[in-house]
Amino acid sequence: MVQTLWFIRDKVLSFVRDERGQDVFEYVLIIGAVSVAVLAAIVTPIGHNLIASIVNAVCTAIGAILTGVSCSTPV
């Protein structure tokens, strides 16, 4: 059991010291920043209007392509 823990510890430390580990950390930070920006855009009134207009445009496009299919907009 102790050998397994030392093995895991060595692998984690080598990953952190390696350049790949730093790259992964940077990507996680970028993904986090983009996620926060998207959530902020959704919560603001401008984001809500943007989402509503996108939903309406998609419903209009579906109605134009597929006749007989009705798309009700939730907003």
PDB file of N, CA and C in Angstrom:
ATOM      1  N   MET A   1       0.826  -1.190   0.000  1.00  0.00           N
ATOM      2  CA  MET A   1       0.000   0.000   0.000  1.00  0.00           C
ATOM      3  C   MET A   1       0.871   1.254   0.000  1.00  0.00           C
ATOM      4  N   VAL A   2       1.916   1.221   0.799  1.00  0.00           N
ATOM      5  CA  VAL A   2       2.801   2.380   0.880  1.00  0.00           C
ATOM      6  C   VAL A   2       3.511   2.596  -0.452  1.00  0.00           C
ATOM      7  N   GLN A   3       3.896   1.502  -1.097  1.00  0.00           N
ATOM      8  CA  GLN A   3       4.554   1.628  -2.400  1.00  0.00           C
ATOM      9  C   GLN A   3       3.612   2.248  -3.439  1.00  0.00           C
ATOM     10  N   THR A   4       2.364   1.901  -3.371  1.00  0.00           N
ATOM     11  CA  THR A   4       1.387   2.472  -4.297  1.00  0.00           C
ATOM     12  C   THR A   4       1.250   3.969  -4.070  1.00  0.00           C
ATOM     13  N   LEU A   5       1.192   4.391  -2.822  1.00  0.00           N
ATOM     14  CA  LEU A   5       1.091   5.817  -2.515  1.00  0.00           C
ATOM     15  C   LEU A   5       2.332   6.575  -2.984  1.00  0.00           C
ATOM     16  N   TRP A   6       3.524   5.991  -2.786  1.00  0.00           N
ATOM     17  CA  TRP A   6       4.749   6.639  -3.259  1.00  0.00           C
ATOM     18  C   TRP A   6       4.763   6.732  -4.785  1.00  0.00           C
ATOM     19  N   PHE A   7       4.269   5.683  -5.444  1.00  0.00           N
ATOM     20  CA  PHE A   7       4.208   5.690  -6.902  1.00  0.00           C
ATOM     21  C   PHE A   7       3.283   6.805  -7.402  1.00  0.00           C
ATOM     22  N   ILE A   8       2.110   6.914  -6.801  1.00  0.00           N
ATOM     23  CA  ILE A   8       1.162   7.972  -7.188  1.00  0.00           C
ATOM     24  C   ILE A   8       1.764   9.338  -6.910  1.00  0.00           C
ATOM     25  N   ARG A   9       2.417   9.483  -5.764  1.00  0.00           N
ATOM     26  CA  ARG A   9       3.050  10.761  -5.409  1.00  0.00           C
ATOM     27  C   ARG A   9       4.111  11.139  -6.440  1.00  0.00           C
ATOM     28  N   ASP A  10       4.948  10.176  -6.823  1.00  0.00           N
ATOM     29  CA  ASP A  10       5.997  10.454  -7.807  1.00  0.00           C
ATOM     30  C   ASP A  10       5.404  10.836  -9.167  1.00  0.00           C
ATOM     31  N   LYS A  11       4.332  10.163  -9.571  1.00  0.00           N
ATOM     32  CA  LYS A  11       3.704  10.480 -10.855  1.00  0.00           C
ATOM     33  C   LYS A  11       3.086  11.878 -10.841  1.00  0.00           C
ATOM     34  N   VAL A  12       2.417  12.241  -9.754  1.00  0.00           N
ATOM     35  CA  VAL A  12       1.806  13.570  -9.651  1.00  0.00           C
ATOM     36  C   VAL A  12       2.885  14.641  -9.655  1.00  0.00           C
ATOM     37  N   LEU A  13       3.964  14.436  -8.906  1.00  0.00           N
ATOM     38  CA  LEU A  13       5.039  15.428  -8.858  1.00  0.00           C
ATOM     39  C   LEU A  13       5.731  15.561 -10.215  1.00  0.00           C
ATOM     40  N   SER A  14       5.933  14.463 -10.915  1.00  0.00           N
ATOM     41  CA  SER A  14       6.571  14.550 -12.231  1.00  0.00           C
ATOM     42  C   SER A  14       5.650  15.240 -13.233  1.00  0.00           C
ATOM     43  N   PHE A  15       4.343  15.039 -13.079  1.00  0.00           N
ATOM     44  CA  PHE A  15       3.390  15.704 -13.968  1.00  0.00           C
ATOM     45  C   PHE A  15       3.369  17.203 -13.719  1.00  0.00           C
ATOM     46  N   VAL A  16       3.452  17.599 -12.460  1.00  0.00           N
ATOM     47  CA  VAL A  16       3.436  19.023 -12.117  1.00  0.00           C
ATOM     48  C   VAL A  16       4.713  19.704 -12.600  1.00  0.00           C
ATOM     49  N   ARG A  17       5.832  19.019 -12.492  1.00  0.00           N
ATOM     50  CA  ARG A  17       7.103  19.604 -12.924  1.00  0.00           C
ATOM     51  C   ARG A  17       7.241  19.618 -14.437  1.00  0.00           C
ATOM     52  N   ASP A  18       6.528  18.737 -15.096  1.00  0.00           N
ATOM     53  CA  ASP A  18       6.623  18.630 -16.552  1.00  0.00           C
ATOM     54  C   ASP A  18       5.894  19.791 -17.218  1.00  0.00           C
ATOM     55  N   GLU A  19       6.282  20.110 -18.428  1.00  0.00           N
ATOM     56  CA  GLU A  19       5.655  21.207 -19.169  1.00  0.00           C
ATOM     57  C   GLU A  19       4.210  20.878 -19.528  1.00  0.00           C
ATOM     58  N   ARG A  20       3.901  19.615 -19.719  1.00  0.00           N
ATOM     59  CA  ARG A  20       2.521  19.228 -20.031  1.00  0.00           C
ATOM     60  C   ARG A  20       1.581  19.573 -18.891  1.00  0.00           C
ATOM     61  N   GLY A  21       2.039  19.413 -17.674  1.00  0.00           N
ATOM     62  CA  GLY A  21       1.224  19.753 -16.514  1.00  0.00           C
ATOM     63  C   GLY A  21       0.906  21.233 -16.466  1.00  0.00           C
ATOM     64  N   GLN A  22       1.884  22.053 -16.806  1.00  0.00           N
ATOM     65  CA  GLN A  22       1.653  23.490 -16.839  1.00  0.00           C
ATOM     66  C   GLN A  22       0.679  23.857 -17.949  1.00  0.00           C
ATOM     67  N   ASP A  23       0.783  23.182 -19.089  1.00  0.00           N
ATOM     68  CA  ASP A  23      -0.144  23.437 -20.192  1.00  0.00           C
ATOM     69  C   ASP A  23      -1.577  23.089 -19.804  1.00  0.00           C
ATOM     70  N   VAL A  24      -1.739  21.957 -19.147  1.00  0.00           N
ATOM     71  CA  VAL A  24      -3.070  21.543 -18.711  1.00  0.00           C
ATOM     72  C   VAL A  24      -3.646  22.565 -17.740  1.00  0.00           C
ATOM     73  N   PHE A  25      -2.829  23.039 -16.817  1.00  0.00           N
ATOM     74  CA  PHE A  25      -3.282  24.033 -15.852  1.00  0.00           C
ATOM     75  C   PHE A  25      -3.712  25.317 -16.561  1.00  0.00           C
ATOM     76  N   GLU A  26      -2.953  25.751 -17.568  1.00  0.00           N
ATOM     77  CA  GLU A  26      -3.317  26.952 -18.323  1.00  0.00           C
ATOM     78  C   GLU A  26      -4.628  26.755 -19.074  1.00  0.00           C
ATOM     79  N   TYR A  27      -4.817  25.576 -19.665  1.00  0.00           N
ATOM     80  CA  TYR A  27      -6.062  25.305 -20.371  1.00  0.00           C
ATOM     81  C   TYR A  27      -7.250  25.304 -19.417  1.00  0.00           C
ATOM     82  N   VAL A  28      -7.063  24.756 -18.239  1.00  0.00           N
ATOM     83  CA  VAL A  28      -8.140  24.760 -17.240  1.00  0.00           C
ATOM     84  C   VAL A  28      -8.493  26.191 -16.852  1.00  0.00           C
ATOM     85  N   LEU A  29      -7.497  27.046 -16.692  1.00  0.00           N
ATOM     86  CA  LEU A  29      -7.773  28.448 -16.376  1.00  0.00           C
ATOM     87  C   LEU A  29      -8.534  29.134 -17.506  1.00  0.00           C
ATOM     88  N   ILE A  30      -8.153  28.864 -18.743  1.00  0.00           N
ATOM     89  CA  ILE A  30      -8.835  29.477 -19.889  1.00  0.00           C
ATOM     90  C   ILE A  30     -10.280  28.997 -19.979  1.00  0.00           C
ATOM     91  N   ILE A  31     -10.485  27.700 -19.810  1.00  0.00           N
ATOM     92  CA  ILE A  31     -11.842  27.151 -19.858  1.00  0.00           C
ATOM     93  C   ILE A  31     -12.689  27.742 -18.741  1.00  0.00           C
ATOM     94  N   GLY A  32     -12.109  27.910 -17.559  1.00  0.00           N
ATOM     95  CA  GLY A  32     -12.835  28.518 -16.448  1.00  0.00           C
ATOM     96  C   GLY A  32     -13.224  29.954 -16.739  1.00  0.00           C
ATOM     97  N   ALA A  33     -12.316  30.718 -17.328  1.00  0.00           N
ATOM     98  CA  ALA A  33     -12.612  32.119 -17.644  1.00  0.00           C
ATOM     99  C   ALA A  33     -13.705  32.216 -18.705  1.00  0.00           C
ATOM    100  N   VAL A  34     -13.646  31.358 -19.704  1.00  0.00           N
ATOM    101  CA  VAL A  34     -14.675  31.370 -20.742  1.00  0.00           C
ATOM    102  C   VAL A  34     -16.030  30.964 -20.159  1.00  0.00           C
ATOM    103  N   SER A  35     -16.031  29.986 -19.274  1.00  0.00           N
ATOM    104  CA  SER A  35     -17.284  29.552 -18.644  1.00  0.00           C
ATOM    105  C   SER A  35     -17.910  30.671 -17.826  1.00  0.00           C
ATOM    106  N   VAL A  36     -17.090  31.391 -17.083  1.00  0.00           N
ATOM    107  CA  VAL A  36     -17.599  32.516 -16.294  1.00  0.00           C
ATOM    108  C   VAL A  36     -18.150  33.608 -17.203  1.00  0.00           C
ATOM    109  N   ALA A  37     -17.482  33.881 -18.309  1.00  0.00           N
ATOM    110  CA  ALA A  37     -17.963  34.893 -19.249  1.00  0.00           C
ATOM    111  C   ALA A  37     -19.294  34.479 -19.869  1.00  0.00           C
ATOM    112  N   VAL A  38     -19.440  33.209 -20.211  1.00  0.00           N
ATOM    113  CA  VAL A  38     -20.693  32.730 -20.795  1.00  0.00           C
ATOM    114  C   VAL A  38     -21.819  32.816 -19.776  1.00  0.00           C
ATOM    115  N   LEU A  39     -21.559  32.403 -18.554  1.00  0.00           N
ATOM    116  CA  LEU A  39     -22.587  32.485 -17.515  1.00  0.00           C
ATOM    117  C   LEU A  39     -22.971  33.930 -17.227  1.00  0.00           C
ATOM    118  N   ALA A  40     -22.006  34.825 -17.225  1.00  0.00           N
ATOM    119  CA  ALA A  40     -22.309  36.238 -17.007  1.00  0.00           C
ATOM    120  C   ALA A  40     -23.152  36.790 -18.152  1.00  0.00           C
ATOM    121  N   ALA A  41     -22.880  36.363 -19.365  1.00  0.00           N
ATOM    122  CA  ALA A  41     -23.668  36.822 -20.510  1.00  0.00           C
ATOM    123  C   ALA A  41     -25.094  36.295 -20.444  1.00  0.00           C
ATOM    124  N   ILE A  42     -25.270  35.101 -19.930  1.00  0.00           N
ATOM    125  CA  ILE A  42     -26.611  34.527 -19.825  1.00  0.00           C
ATOM    126  C   ILE A  42     -27.428  35.244 -18.750  1.00  0.00           C
ATOM    127  N   VAL A  43     -26.795  35.606 -17.657  1.00  0.00           N
ATOM    128  CA  VAL A  43     -27.503  36.198 -16.528  1.00  0.00           C
ATOM    129  C   VAL A  43     -27.903  37.646 -16.801  1.00  0.00           C
ATOM    130  N   THR A  44     -27.117  38.380 -17.535  1.00  0.00           N
ATOM    131  CA  THR A  44     -27.418  39.790 -17.787  1.00  0.00           C
ATOM    132  C   THR A  44     -28.621  39.930 -18.716  1.00  0.00           C
ATOM    133  N   PRO A  45     -29.314  41.053 -18.663  1.00  0.00           N
ATOM    134  CA  PRO A  45     -30.476  41.243 -19.543  1.00  0.00           C
ATOM    135  C   PRO A  45     -30.109  41.194 -21.033  1.00  0.00           C
ATOM    136  N   ILE A  46     -28.950  41.693 -21.381  1.00  0.00           N
ATOM    137  CA  ILE A  46     -28.528  41.642 -22.785  1.00  0.00           C
ATOM    138  C   ILE A  46     -28.373  40.192 -23.225  1.00  0.00           C
ATOM    139  N   GLY A  47     -27.792  39.374 -22.368  1.00  0.00           N
ATOM    140  CA  GLY A  47     -27.630  37.954 -22.688  1.00  0.00           C
ATOM    141  C   GLY A  47     -28.968  37.260 -22.832  1.00  0.00           C
ATOM    142  N   HIS A  48     -29.934  37.621 -21.986  1.00  0.00           N
ATOM    143  CA  HIS A  48     -31.262  37.020 -22.070  1.00  0.00           C
ATOM    144  C   HIS A  48     -31.927  37.379 -23.403  1.00  0.00           C
ATOM    145  N   ASN A  49     -31.811  38.628 -23.813  1.00  0.00           N
ATOM    146  CA  ASN A  49     -32.386  39.043 -25.102  1.00  0.00           C
ATOM    147  C   ASN A  49     -31.695  38.350 -26.265  1.00  0.00           C
ATOM    148  N   LEU A  50     -30.387  38.171 -26.156  1.00  0.00           N
ATOM    149  CA  LEU A  50     -29.642  37.487 -27.212  1.00  0.00           C
ATOM    150  C   LEU A  50     -30.082  36.038 -27.337  1.00  0.00           C
ATOM    151  N   ILE A  51     -30.248  35.368 -26.212  1.00  0.00           N
ATOM    152  CA  ILE A  51     -30.679  33.968 -26.235  1.00  0.00           C
ATOM    153  C   ILE A  51     -32.093  33.862 -26.803  1.00  0.00           C
ATOM    154  N   ALA A  52     -32.970  34.789 -26.414  1.00  0.00           N
ATOM    155  CA  ALA A  52     -34.344  34.766 -26.927  1.00  0.00           C
ATOM    156  C   ALA A  52     -34.367  34.963 -28.432  1.00  0.00           C
ATOM    157  N   SER A  53     -33.553  35.870 -28.937  1.00  0.00           N
ATOM    158  CA  SER A  53     -33.533  36.085 -30.387  1.00  0.00           C
ATOM    159  C   SER A  53     -32.954  34.892 -31.127  1.00  0.00           C
ATOM    160  N   ILE A  54     -31.978  34.223 -30.545  1.00  0.00           N
ATOM    161  CA  ILE A  54     -31.420  33.019 -31.178  1.00  0.00           C
ATOM    162  C   ILE A  54     -32.463  31.914 -31.224  1.00  0.00           C
ATOM    163  N   VAL A  55     -33.194  31.729 -30.132  1.00  0.00           N
ATOM    164  CA  VAL A  55     -34.241  30.695 -30.097  1.00  0.00           C
ATOM    165  C   VAL A  55     -35.317  31.001 -31.127  1.00  0.00           C
ATOM    166  N   ASN A  56     -35.717  32.263 -31.231  1.00  0.00           N
ATOM    167  CA  ASN A  56     -36.730  32.640 -32.215  1.00  0.00           C
ATOM    168  C   ASN A  56     -36.234  32.407 -33.644  1.00  0.00           C
ATOM    169  N   ALA A  57     -34.976  32.727 -33.915  1.00  0.00           N
ATOM    170  CA  ALA A  57     -34.424  32.522 -35.253  1.00  0.00           C
ATOM    171  C   ALA A  57     -34.346  31.043 -35.591  1.00  0.00           C
ATOM    172  N   VAL A  58     -33.968  30.225 -34.632  1.00  0.00           N
ATOM    173  CA  VAL A  58     -33.897  28.774 -34.876  1.00  0.00           C
ATOM    174  C   VAL A  58     -35.288  28.218 -35.135  1.00  0.00           C
ATOM    175  N   CYS A  59     -36.269  28.671 -34.365  1.00  0.00           N
ATOM    176  CA  CYS A  59     -37.643  28.200 -34.581  1.00  0.00           C
ATOM    177  C   CYS A  59     -38.154  28.622 -35.949  1.00  0.00           C
ATOM    178  N   THR A  60     -37.836  29.826 -36.373  1.00  0.00           N
ATOM    179  CA  THR A  60     -38.231  30.290 -37.702  1.00  0.00           C
ATOM    180  C   THR A  60     -37.569  29.452 -38.785  1.00  0.00           C
ATOM    181  N   ALA A  61     -36.293  29.143 -38.619  1.00  0.00           N
ATOM    182  CA  ALA A  61     -35.576  28.322 -39.602  1.00  0.00           C
ATOM    183  C   ALA A  61     -36.139  26.916 -39.660  1.00  0.00           C
ATOM    184  N   ILE A  62     -36.480  26.346 -38.507  1.00  0.00           N
ATOM    185  CA  ILE A  62     -37.064  24.999 -38.493  1.00  0.00           C
ATOM    186  C   ILE A  62     -38.418  25.020 -39.198  1.00  0.00           C
ATOM    187  N   GLY A  63     -39.214  26.055 -38.921  1.00  0.00           N
ATOM    188  CA  GLY A  63     -40.517  26.165 -39.573  1.00  0.00           C
ATOM    189  C   GLY A  63     -40.405  26.352 -41.070  1.00  0.00           C
ATOM    190  N   ALA A  64     -39.356  27.021 -41.542  1.00  0.00           N
ATOM    191  CA  ALA A  64     -39.176  27.239 -42.975  1.00  0.00           C
ATOM    192  C   ALA A  64     -38.717  25.968 -43.677  1.00  0.00           C
ATOM    193  N   ILE A  65     -37.914  25.163 -43.003  1.00  0.00           N
ATOM    194  CA  ILE A  65     -37.366  23.962 -43.629  1.00  0.00           C
ATOM    195  C   ILE A  65     -38.362  22.795 -43.544  1.00  0.00           C
ATOM    196  N   LEU A  66     -38.908  22.601 -42.370  1.00  0.00           N
ATOM    197  CA  LEU A  66     -39.823  21.475 -42.148  1.00  0.00           C
ATOM    198  C   LEU A  66     -41.237  22.027 -42.041  1.00  0.00           C
ATOM    199  N   THR A  67     -42.004  21.867 -43.072  1.00  0.00           N
ATOM    200  CA  THR A  67     -43.388  22.325 -43.023  1.00  0.00           C
ATOM    201  C   THR A  67     -44.202  21.357 -42.180  1.00  0.00           C
ATOM    202  N   GLY A  68     -45.108  21.881 -41.430  1.00  0.00           N
ATOM    203  CA  GLY A  68     -45.926  21.037 -40.575  1.00  0.00           C
ATOM    204  C   GLY A  68     -45.360  20.870 -39.183  1.00  0.00           C
ATOM    205  N   VAL A  69     -44.163  21.352 -38.933  1.00  0.00           N
ATOM    206  CA  VAL A  69     -43.548  21.272 -37.609  1.00  0.00           C
ATOM    207  C   VAL A  69     -43.663  22.636 -36.967  1.00  0.00           C
ATOM    208  N   SER A  70     -44.255  22.678 -35.778  1.00  0.00           N
ATOM    209  CA  SER A  70     -44.378  23.960 -35.098  1.00  0.00           C
ATOM    210  C   SER A  70     -43.381  24.009 -33.950  1.00  0.00           C
ATOM    211  N   CYS A  71     -42.760  25.126 -33.807  1.00  0.00           N
ATOM    212  CA  CYS A  71     -41.765  25.324 -32.756  1.00  0.00           C
ATOM    213  C   CYS A  71     -42.278  26.446 -31.861  1.00  0.00           C
ATOM    214  N   SER A  72     -42.576  26.108 -30.626  1.00  0.00           N
ATOM    215  CA  SER A  72     -43.054  27.158 -29.718  1.00  0.00           C
ATOM    216  C   SER A  72     -41.871  27.696 -28.927  1.00  0.00           C
ATOM    217  N   THR A  73     -41.778  28.978 -28.870  1.00  0.00           N
ATOM    218  CA  THR A  73     -40.655  29.608 -28.168  1.00  0.00           C
ATOM    219  C   THR A  73     -41.001  29.745 -26.703  1.00  0.00           C
ATOM    220  N   PRO A  74     -40.065  29.376 -25.813  1.00  0.00           N
ATOM    221  CA  PRO A  74     -40.334  29.460 -24.374  1.00  0.00           C
ATOM    222  C   PRO A  74     -40.241  30.882 -23.832  1.00  0.00           C
ATOM    223  N   VAL A  75     -39.637  31.808 -24.558  1.00  0.00           N
ATOM    224  CA  VAL A  75     -39.488  33.170 -24.060  1.00  0.00           C
ATOM    225  C   VAL A  75     -40.372  34.133 -24.788  1.00  0.00           C
TER     226      VAL A  75
END
